[in-house]
Protein backbone atom coordinates (compact mmCIF):
# COMPACT_ATOMS: atom_id res chain seq x y z
CA MET A 1 -33.42 -10.04 -15.76
CA GLY A 2 -31.17 -8.68 -18.50
CA ARG A 3 -30.31 -5.56 -16.49
CA ALA A 4 -29.72 -7.56 -13.30
CA PHE A 5 -27.39 -9.92 -15.18
CA ALA A 6 -25.51 -6.99 -16.69
CA ASN A 7 -25.11 -5.45 -13.22
CA ARG A 8 -23.71 -8.70 -11.85
CA VAL A 9 -21.28 -8.98 -14.75
CA GLY A 10 -20.20 -5.37 -14.25
CA SER A 11 -19.66 -5.97 -10.54
CA MET A 12 -17.59 -9.09 -11.26
CA MET A 13 -15.44 -7.20 -13.76
CA VAL A 14 -14.74 -4.49 -11.19
CA ARG A 15 -13.67 -7.13 -8.65
CA TRP A 16 -11.46 -8.85 -11.23
CA ASP A 17 -9.85 -5.54 -12.17
CA ARG A 18 -9.14 -4.79 -8.52
CA MET A 19 -7.72 -8.28 -7.97
CA ALA A 20 -5.52 -7.99 -11.06
CA LYS A 21 -4.25 -4.62 -9.86
CA ALA A 22 -3.54 -6.04 -6.39
CA PHE A 23 -1.63 -8.99 -7.89
CA THR A 24 0.42 -6.64 -10.08
CA ARG A 25 1.27 -4.47 -7.10
CA VAL A 26 2.35 -7.45 -5.00
CA GLY A 27 4.40 -8.83 -7.89
CA LYS A 28 6.32 -5.57 -8.16
CA ASP A 29 6.79 -5.43 -4.38
CA ILE A 30 8.22 -8.95 -4.53
CA ALA A 31 10.55 -8.03 -7.40
CA MET A 32 11.90 -4.97 -5.59
CA ALA A 33 12.24 -6.86 -2.29
CA VAL A 34 14.19 -9.71 -3.91
CA LYS A 35 16.45 -7.26 -5.74
CA ALA A 36 17.21 -5.43 -2.49
CA GLY A 37 17.50 -8.34 -0.07
CA GLY A 38 17.53 -11.68 -1.87
CA PRO A 39 14.94 -14.43 -2.39
CA ASN A 40 14.95 -15.91 1.13
CA PRO A 41 11.97 -14.55 3.11
CA ASP A 42 13.52 -15.74 6.40
CA SER A 43 16.26 -13.13 6.06
CA ASN A 44 14.33 -10.57 3.99
CA ALA A 45 11.67 -8.72 5.97
CA ALA A 46 10.45 -6.78 2.94
CA LEU A 47 9.90 -10.01 1.02
CA ARG A 48 8.03 -11.54 3.96
CA ARG A 49 5.77 -8.49 3.97
CA ALA A 50 5.15 -8.75 0.24
CA ILE A 51 4.31 -12.45 0.49
CA GLN A 52 1.92 -11.84 3.39
CA ASN A 53 0.24 -9.02 1.51
CA GLY A 54 -0.17 -11.35 -1.45
CA ARG A 55 -1.97 -13.83 0.77
CA ASN A 56 -4.15 -11.05 2.12
CA ALA A 57 -5.07 -10.18 -1.49
CA ASN A 58 -5.93 -13.85 -2.15
CA MET A 59 -3.01 -14.20 -4.54
CA PRO A 60 -2.50 -17.94 -5.22
CA LYS A 61 0.61 -19.48 -3.73
CA ASP A 62 1.89 -20.59 -7.12
CA LYS A 63 1.69 -17.00 -8.41
CA VAL A 64 3.67 -15.76 -5.40
CA GLU A 65 6.33 -18.44 -5.95
CA ALA A 66 6.44 -17.64 -9.67
CA ALA A 67 6.97 -13.95 -8.90
CA ILE A 68 9.93 -14.81 -6.67
CA LYS A 69 11.44 -17.06 -9.36
CA ARG A 70 11.05 -14.35 -11.98
CA ALA A 71 12.74 -11.86 -9.68
CA VAL A 72 15.91 -13.97 -9.45
CA GLY A 73 16.04 -14.83 -13.15
CA ASN A 74 18.54 -13.38 -15.60
CA ASP A 75 15.76 -11.64 -17.49
CA ALA A 76 14.08 -10.26 -14.35
CA GLU A 77 12.28 -6.96 -14.80
CA SER A 78 13.89 -4.17 -12.78
CA TYR A 79 11.64 -1.64 -11.07
CA ASP A 80 12.53 1.60 -9.36
CA GLU A 81 10.38 3.12 -6.63
CA VAL A 82 9.65 6.75 -7.48
CA VAL A 83 7.44 8.98 -5.33
CA TYR A 84 5.57 11.92 -6.84
CA GLU A 85 3.99 14.75 -4.87
CA GLY A 86 1.32 17.27 -5.67
CA TYR A 87 -2.01 18.78 -4.82
CA ALA A 88 -5.49 17.53 -5.66
CA PRO A 89 -8.36 20.00 -6.08
CA HIS A 90 -9.18 22.09 -2.97
CA GLY A 91 -5.61 21.99 -1.65
CA ILE A 92 -5.48 18.32 -0.66
CA ALA A 93 -1.90 16.99 -0.53
CA VAL A 94 -1.17 13.83 -2.52
CA MET A 95 1.71 11.35 -2.34
CA VAL A 96 1.93 8.89 -5.24
CA GLU A 97 4.19 5.85 -4.92
CA THR A 98 5.13 4.15 -8.16
CA ALA A 99 7.17 1.12 -9.20
CA THR A 100 8.37 1.70 -12.73
CA ASN A 101 10.73 0.42 -15.40
CA ASN A 102 10.20 3.63 -17.39
CA PRO A 103 10.17 6.81 -15.28
CA THR A 104 9.62 9.00 -18.35
CA ARG A 105 6.37 7.23 -19.12
CA THR A 106 5.31 7.21 -15.48
CA VAL A 107 5.83 10.90 -14.77
CA ALA A 108 3.98 11.80 -17.97
CA ASN A 109 1.00 9.67 -16.94
CA VAL A 110 1.00 10.99 -13.38
CA ARG A 111 1.21 14.60 -14.57
CA MET A 112 -1.67 14.03 -17.00
CA ALA A 113 -3.84 12.55 -14.22
CA PHE A 114 -3.23 15.58 -12.00
CA THR A 115 -3.91 18.01 -14.84
CA ARG A 116 -7.08 16.36 -16.11
CA LYS A 117 -8.57 16.07 -12.64
CA GLY A 118 -7.88 19.64 -11.57
CA GLY A 119 -4.73 19.08 -9.54
CA ASN A 120 -1.09 20.07 -9.83
CA LEU A 121 1.99 17.86 -9.84
CA GLY A 122 4.63 19.42 -7.59
CA ASN A 123 8.34 19.04 -7.00
CA SER A 124 9.98 16.58 -4.63
CA GLY A 125 9.41 17.81 -1.08
CA SER A 126 6.42 19.97 -1.94
CA VAL A 127 4.00 18.02 0.27
CA SER A 128 6.01 15.22 1.91
CA PHE A 129 6.53 17.39 5.02
CA LEU A 130 2.78 17.01 5.64
CA PHE A 131 3.16 13.23 6.06
CA LYS A 132 5.15 10.78 8.13
CA LYS A 133 6.29 7.51 6.55
CA MET A 134 5.31 4.70 8.91
CA GLY A 135 5.17 0.92 9.04
CA ILE A 136 1.59 -0.37 9.37
CA ILE A 137 0.95 -3.91 10.58
CA LYS A 138 -2.57 -5.30 10.93
CA ILE A 139 -3.34 -8.31 13.10
CA ALA A 140 -6.53 -10.08 14.14
CA ARG A 141 -7.79 -9.21 17.61
CA ALA A 142 -8.86 -12.75 18.47
CA GLY A 143 -6.66 -14.34 21.12
CA VAL A 144 -4.46 -11.26 21.55
CA ASP A 145 -3.77 -9.78 24.98
CA ARG A 146 -3.77 -6.15 23.89
CA ASP A 147 -2.29 -4.60 27.02
CA GLY A 148 0.45 -7.20 27.30
CA LEU A 149 1.39 -7.09 23.63
CA GLU A 150 1.41 -3.31 23.55
CA LEU A 151 3.75 -3.18 26.54
CA GLU A 152 6.12 -5.73 25.01
CA LEU A 153 6.26 -4.05 21.60
CA ILE A 154 7.04 -0.55 22.84
CA ASP A 155 10.71 -1.57 23.06
CA HIS A 156 10.55 -2.74 19.43
CA GLY A 157 9.44 0.52 17.86
CA LEU A 158 5.69 0.49 18.42
CA GLU A 159 4.25 4.02 18.32
CA ASP A 160 0.48 3.49 17.93
CA PHE A 161 -1.82 0.58 18.81
CA LEU A 162 -5.24 1.18 17.28
CA ASP A 163 -8.60 -0.63 17.12
CA ASP A 164 -10.15 -1.06 13.68
CA ASP A 165 -12.38 -3.33 11.64
CA SER A 166 -11.84 -5.17 8.37
CA ASP A 167 -13.84 -7.41 6.07
CA ALA A 168 -12.51 -10.35 8.08
CA GLY A 169 -13.55 -8.87 11.44
CA PRO A 170 -12.03 -6.81 14.27
CA ILE A 171 -8.33 -6.05 13.96
CA TYR A 172 -5.54 -4.13 15.65
CA VAL A 173 -3.45 -1.67 13.65
CA LEU A 174 0.12 -1.29 14.88
CA ARG A 175 2.25 1.61 13.64
CA SER A 176 5.96 2.34 13.89
CA ALA A 177 8.43 4.77 12.41
CA PHE A 178 9.52 3.39 9.05
CA ASN A 179 13.08 2.80 10.29
CA ASP A 180 11.67 0.50 13.01
CA PHE A 181 9.33 -1.36 10.65
CA ALA A 182 11.41 -4.54 10.27
CA THR A 183 12.16 -4.64 14.01
CA LEU A 184 8.47 -4.43 14.91
CA GLN A 185 7.57 -7.01 12.26
CA ARG A 186 10.08 -9.50 13.64
CA ALA A 187 8.95 -8.92 17.24
CA ILE A 188 5.34 -9.69 16.26
CA GLU A 189 6.33 -12.81 14.33
CA ASP A 190 8.52 -14.00 17.22
CA ARG A 191 5.39 -13.98 19.40
CA GLY A 192 3.65 -16.40 17.07
CA ILE A 193 1.36 -13.79 15.51
CA THR A 194 0.90 -13.85 11.73
CA PRO A 195 0.05 -10.38 10.41
CA ILE A 196 -2.94 -9.94 8.14
CA SER A 197 -0.92 -7.36 6.24
CA ALA A 198 2.25 -5.32 6.69
CA GLU A 199 2.82 -2.24 4.57
CA HIS A 200 4.27 1.21 4.84
CA GLU A 201 2.08 4.28 4.53
CA HIS A 202 2.53 8.02 4.35
CA VAL A 203 0.40 9.04 7.33
CA PRO A 204 -0.74 12.69 7.30
CA HIS A 205 0.09 14.79 10.35
CA THR A 206 -3.33 16.49 10.12
CA LEU A 207 -6.45 15.85 8.06
CA VAL A 208 -8.41 18.35 5.97
CA GLU A 209 -12.21 18.41 6.09
CA LEU A 210 -14.11 18.99 2.83
CA GLY A 211 -17.71 19.00 1.65
CA GLU A 212 -19.22 16.09 -0.26
CA GLU A 213 -18.77 17.56 -3.75
CA GLU A 214 -15.19 18.58 -2.99
CA ILE A 215 -14.41 15.09 -1.66
CA THR A 216 -15.75 13.60 -4.89
CA ALA A 217 -13.38 15.75 -6.94
CA VAL A 218 -10.39 14.57 -4.87
CA LEU A 219 -11.40 10.92 -5.10
CA GLU A 220 -11.74 11.17 -8.87
CA LEU A 221 -8.05 12.10 -9.03
CA VAL A 222 -7.12 9.29 -6.65
CA ASP A 223 -9.08 6.80 -8.75
CA ARG A 224 -7.45 8.03 -11.95
CA LEU A 225 -3.99 7.64 -10.42
CA GLU A 226 -4.71 4.18 -9.02
CA GLN A 227 -5.78 2.94 -12.44
CA ASP A 228 -2.25 3.47 -13.75
CA ASP A 229 -0.29 0.21 -13.81
CA ASP A 230 2.85 1.95 -12.52
CA VAL A 231 1.11 3.36 -9.43
CA GLN A 232 1.43 1.26 -6.30
CA ARG A 233 -0.21 3.43 -3.63
CA VAL A 234 -1.78 6.87 -3.27
CA PHE A 235 -1.96 8.80 0.01
CA VAL A 236 -3.89 12.00 0.75
CA ASN A 237 -4.47 14.18 3.81
CA LEU A 238 -8.24 14.11 3.30
CA ALA A 239 -10.38 13.46 6.37
């Protein structure tokens, strides 16, 4: 019984850590969105996305509202988005998005993660050509006329309309060029559809196949990077 209880506690701590990390990420997204476009989500597509992603992460409404209030305060923390590029073990390309109030600290931590896990931090542009920055919107399949919606959204920047599954059930994944992200988001909302999530991603042009042990080495680097409080998202071209 003692071991089973310890396992349950360990599992709960992992979930709490992941939830705390998700809340921190959303809070920084909110802060940057408010700084760039103001506190009104009706006129700020990036803020609407951040709020929706907070809901998807089960972030309480009062925490979302508090994050917005902090972002407009005189003592609001200012974050800069900085993207780092490099290679994981076995030649896998890595894009690391950060939101930081101290780039010197952040680059040191990112470089250390790459070094300790057998990778190499590169210069700006060293791997970004292997990815395309895209807007990714996920919606529930239920009640959606796929063919009709796909046809309507093509004129609003839709590039890909994919089937997928999530913990909540079957979903559609809609992708656009990043410059069309806000346009596609608004077109979906105008049709009465509330996205499950709406984020940008660096989508690899091609994927690299590796063996199981090699994959483990890459994922250890990804995990190390994601544990850093300044890191928002990590993207790799690993199949």
